[in-house]
Amino acid sequence: MKPNKYLSTFLSTALLFFATNLPAQQIDKAKGLSDYYQDYFPIGVAVTPEQVKDPVQSQMIRRQFNS
């Protein structure tokens, strides 16, 4: 099954929008996107088994998403 390029584009755009709209004084590189918005809504992601097995992608997924 091929990933939907429109969905991927939308998710990437949404991630960039939320990440770039954080106040500059509150940005902490150790925190993920889900940490900043945990009081407002969960941030989820759909992944493939290959992405979960990849250590770099797996770490990024755990840091940025909470649902």
N, C-alpha and C. Protein backbone atom coordinates (compact mmCIF):
# COMPACT_ATOMS: atom_id res chain seq x y z
N MET A 1 0.83 -1.17 0.00
CA MET A 1 0.00 0.00 0.00
C MET A 1 0.88 1.24 0.00
N LYS A 2 0.66 2.15 -0.95
CA LYS A 2 1.45 3.37 -1.06
C LYS A 2 0.89 4.44 -0.12
N PRO A 3 1.78 5.21 0.50
CA PRO A 3 1.30 6.28 1.35
C PRO A 3 0.60 7.35 0.50
N ASN A 4 -0.42 7.92 1.05
CA ASN A 4 -1.16 8.97 0.38
C ASN A 4 -0.33 10.26 0.44
N LYS A 5 0.09 10.76 -0.73
CA LYS A 5 0.98 11.93 -0.73
C LYS A 5 0.27 13.18 -0.21
N TYR A 6 -1.04 13.27 -0.40
CA TYR A 6 -1.77 14.43 0.11
C TYR A 6 -1.85 14.40 1.62
N LEU A 7 -2.05 13.23 2.19
CA LEU A 7 -2.10 13.11 3.64
C LEU A 7 -0.72 13.42 4.23
N SER A 8 0.32 12.91 3.62
CA SER A 8 1.68 13.18 4.09
C SER A 8 1.99 14.67 4.04
N THR A 9 1.58 15.32 2.96
CA THR A 9 1.80 16.75 2.83
C THR A 9 1.03 17.52 3.89
N PHE A 10 -0.22 17.13 4.12
CA PHE A 10 -1.04 17.79 5.13
C PHE A 10 -0.42 17.64 6.52
N LEU A 11 0.00 16.42 6.87
CA LEU A 11 0.57 16.19 8.20
C LEU A 11 1.87 16.95 8.38
N SER A 12 2.69 16.99 7.35
CA SER A 12 3.95 17.74 7.42
C SER A 12 3.68 19.22 7.60
N THR A 13 2.71 19.73 6.86
CA THR A 13 2.36 21.15 6.96
C THR A 13 1.81 21.47 8.34
N ALA A 14 0.95 20.61 8.86
CA ALA A 14 0.38 20.83 10.18
C ALA A 14 1.47 20.82 11.25
N LEU A 15 2.39 19.88 11.15
CA LEU A 15 3.49 19.79 12.10
C LEU A 15 4.33 21.05 12.07
N LEU A 16 4.66 21.53 10.88
CA LEU A 16 5.45 22.75 10.76
C LEU A 16 4.68 23.96 11.29
N PHE A 17 3.38 24.01 11.01
CA PHE A 17 2.56 25.13 11.50
C PHE A 17 2.59 25.20 13.02
N PHE A 18 2.32 24.08 13.67
CA PHE A 18 2.27 24.08 15.13
C PHE A 18 3.65 24.32 15.73
N ALA A 19 4.68 23.76 15.13
CA ALA A 19 6.03 23.91 15.67
C ALA A 19 6.53 25.34 15.50
N THR A 20 6.20 25.99 14.41
CA THR A 20 6.70 27.34 14.18
C THR A 20 5.87 28.41 14.87
N ASN A 21 4.70 28.07 15.39
CA ASN A 21 3.87 29.05 16.07
C ASN A 21 4.05 29.04 17.59
N LEU A 22 5.04 28.32 18.06
CA LEU A 22 5.33 28.36 19.48
C LEU A 22 6.11 29.63 19.80
N PRO A 23 5.83 30.27 20.92
CA PRO A 23 6.62 31.45 21.28
C PRO A 23 8.09 31.08 21.42
N ALA A 24 8.96 31.92 20.92
CA ALA A 24 10.40 31.62 20.87
C ALA A 24 10.98 31.37 22.26
N GLN A 25 10.51 32.09 23.27
CA GLN A 25 11.09 31.92 24.60
C GLN A 25 10.70 30.60 25.25
N GLN A 26 9.69 29.90 24.70
CA GLN A 26 9.24 28.66 25.30
C GLN A 26 9.80 27.42 24.61
N ILE A 27 10.55 27.58 23.56
CA ILE A 27 11.04 26.42 22.81
C ILE A 27 12.17 25.74 23.57
N ASP A 28 12.01 24.46 23.79
CA ASP A 28 13.01 23.62 24.43
C ASP A 28 13.26 22.45 23.51
N LYS A 29 14.48 22.32 23.02
CA LYS A 29 14.77 21.29 22.01
C LYS A 29 14.60 19.87 22.55
N ALA A 30 14.61 19.70 23.85
CA ALA A 30 14.44 18.36 24.42
C ALA A 30 12.98 17.94 24.43
N LYS A 31 12.08 18.91 24.31
CA LYS A 31 10.65 18.60 24.31
C LYS A 31 10.18 18.32 22.89
N GLY A 32 9.13 17.54 22.80
CA GLY A 32 8.53 17.26 21.51
C GLY A 32 7.27 18.08 21.32
N LEU A 33 6.74 18.05 20.14
CA LEU A 33 5.52 18.78 19.81
C LEU A 33 4.38 18.40 20.75
N SER A 34 4.28 17.14 21.08
CA SER A 34 3.19 16.68 21.96
C SER A 34 3.31 17.28 23.36
N ASP A 35 4.52 17.60 23.80
CA ASP A 35 4.70 18.20 25.12
C ASP A 35 4.10 19.60 25.19
N TYR A 36 4.23 20.35 24.11
CA TYR A 36 3.73 21.72 24.10
C TYR A 36 2.21 21.79 24.00
N TYR A 37 1.60 20.80 23.38
CA TYR A 37 0.16 20.84 23.16
C TYR A 37 -0.61 19.80 23.97
N GLN A 38 0.02 19.17 24.96
CA GLN A 38 -0.62 18.11 25.73
C GLN A 38 -1.86 18.58 26.48
N ASP A 39 -1.94 19.86 26.83
CA ASP A 39 -3.11 20.37 27.55
C ASP A 39 -4.27 20.71 26.61
N TYR A 40 -4.02 20.66 25.30
CA TYR A 40 -5.03 21.07 24.34
C TYR A 40 -5.64 19.90 23.56
N PHE A 41 -4.79 19.02 23.03
CA PHE A 41 -5.28 17.89 22.24
C PHE A 41 -4.15 16.90 22.04
N PRO A 42 -4.50 15.63 21.81
CA PRO A 42 -3.47 14.63 21.53
C PRO A 42 -2.95 14.80 20.09
N ILE A 43 -1.70 14.46 19.89
CA ILE A 43 -1.10 14.52 18.57
C ILE A 43 -0.71 13.10 18.20
N GLY A 44 -1.34 12.60 17.16
CA GLY A 44 -1.12 11.22 16.75
C GLY A 44 -0.40 11.12 15.42
N VAL A 45 -0.01 9.93 15.11
CA VAL A 45 0.69 9.67 13.86
C VAL A 45 0.44 8.22 13.47
N ALA A 46 0.34 7.99 12.18
CA ALA A 46 0.23 6.63 11.66
C ALA A 46 1.61 6.23 11.15
N VAL A 47 2.07 5.08 11.55
CA VAL A 47 3.40 4.63 11.15
C VAL A 47 3.35 3.22 10.60
N THR A 48 4.41 2.88 9.90
CA THR A 48 4.55 1.53 9.37
C THR A 48 5.45 0.74 10.31
N PRO A 49 5.42 -0.57 10.25
CA PRO A 49 6.32 -1.37 11.10
C PRO A 49 7.80 -1.03 10.85
N GLU A 50 8.14 -0.68 9.63
CA GLU A 50 9.53 -0.33 9.32
C GLU A 50 9.97 0.93 10.05
N GLN A 51 9.07 1.90 10.18
CA GLN A 51 9.39 3.13 10.87
C GLN A 51 9.59 2.90 12.36
N VAL A 52 8.82 1.99 12.93
CA VAL A 52 8.96 1.69 14.35
C VAL A 52 10.27 0.96 14.62
N LYS A 53 10.72 0.16 13.69
CA LYS A 53 11.97 -0.58 13.86
C LYS A 53 13.20 0.29 13.70
N ASP A 54 13.10 1.35 12.89
CA ASP A 54 14.23 2.25 12.65
C ASP A 54 14.48 3.07 13.92
N PRO A 55 15.67 3.00 14.52
CA PRO A 55 15.91 3.69 15.80
C PRO A 55 15.75 5.21 15.71
N VAL A 56 16.17 5.82 14.64
CA VAL A 56 16.08 7.28 14.51
C VAL A 56 14.62 7.70 14.38
N GLN A 57 13.89 7.04 13.51
CA GLN A 57 12.48 7.38 13.32
C GLN A 57 11.67 7.05 14.56
N SER A 58 11.96 5.95 15.19
CA SER A 58 11.24 5.54 16.39
C SER A 58 11.42 6.57 17.50
N GLN A 59 12.62 7.06 17.68
CA GLN A 59 12.89 8.07 18.71
C GLN A 59 12.13 9.36 18.40
N MET A 60 12.12 9.78 17.15
CA MET A 60 11.41 10.99 16.76
C MET A 60 9.91 10.83 16.99
N ILE A 61 9.38 9.67 16.64
CA ILE A 61 7.95 9.40 16.82
C ILE A 61 7.58 9.47 18.29
N ARG A 62 8.35 8.85 19.16
CA ARG A 62 8.06 8.85 20.59
C ARG A 62 8.17 10.26 21.18
N ARG A 63 9.10 11.06 20.68
CA ARG A 63 9.29 12.40 21.22
C ARG A 63 8.20 13.36 20.75
N GLN A 64 7.75 13.25 19.52
CA GLN A 64 6.84 14.24 18.94
C GLN A 64 5.36 13.93 19.11
N PHE A 65 5.01 12.66 19.25
CA PHE A 65 3.60 12.27 19.24
C PHE A 65 3.20 11.57 20.52
N ASN A 66 1.94 11.76 20.94
CA ASN A 66 1.49 11.14 22.19
C ASN A 66 0.20 10.33 22.01
N SER A 67 -0.21 10.11 20.78
CA SER A 67 -1.43 9.37 20.57
C SER A 67 -1.29 8.48 19.35
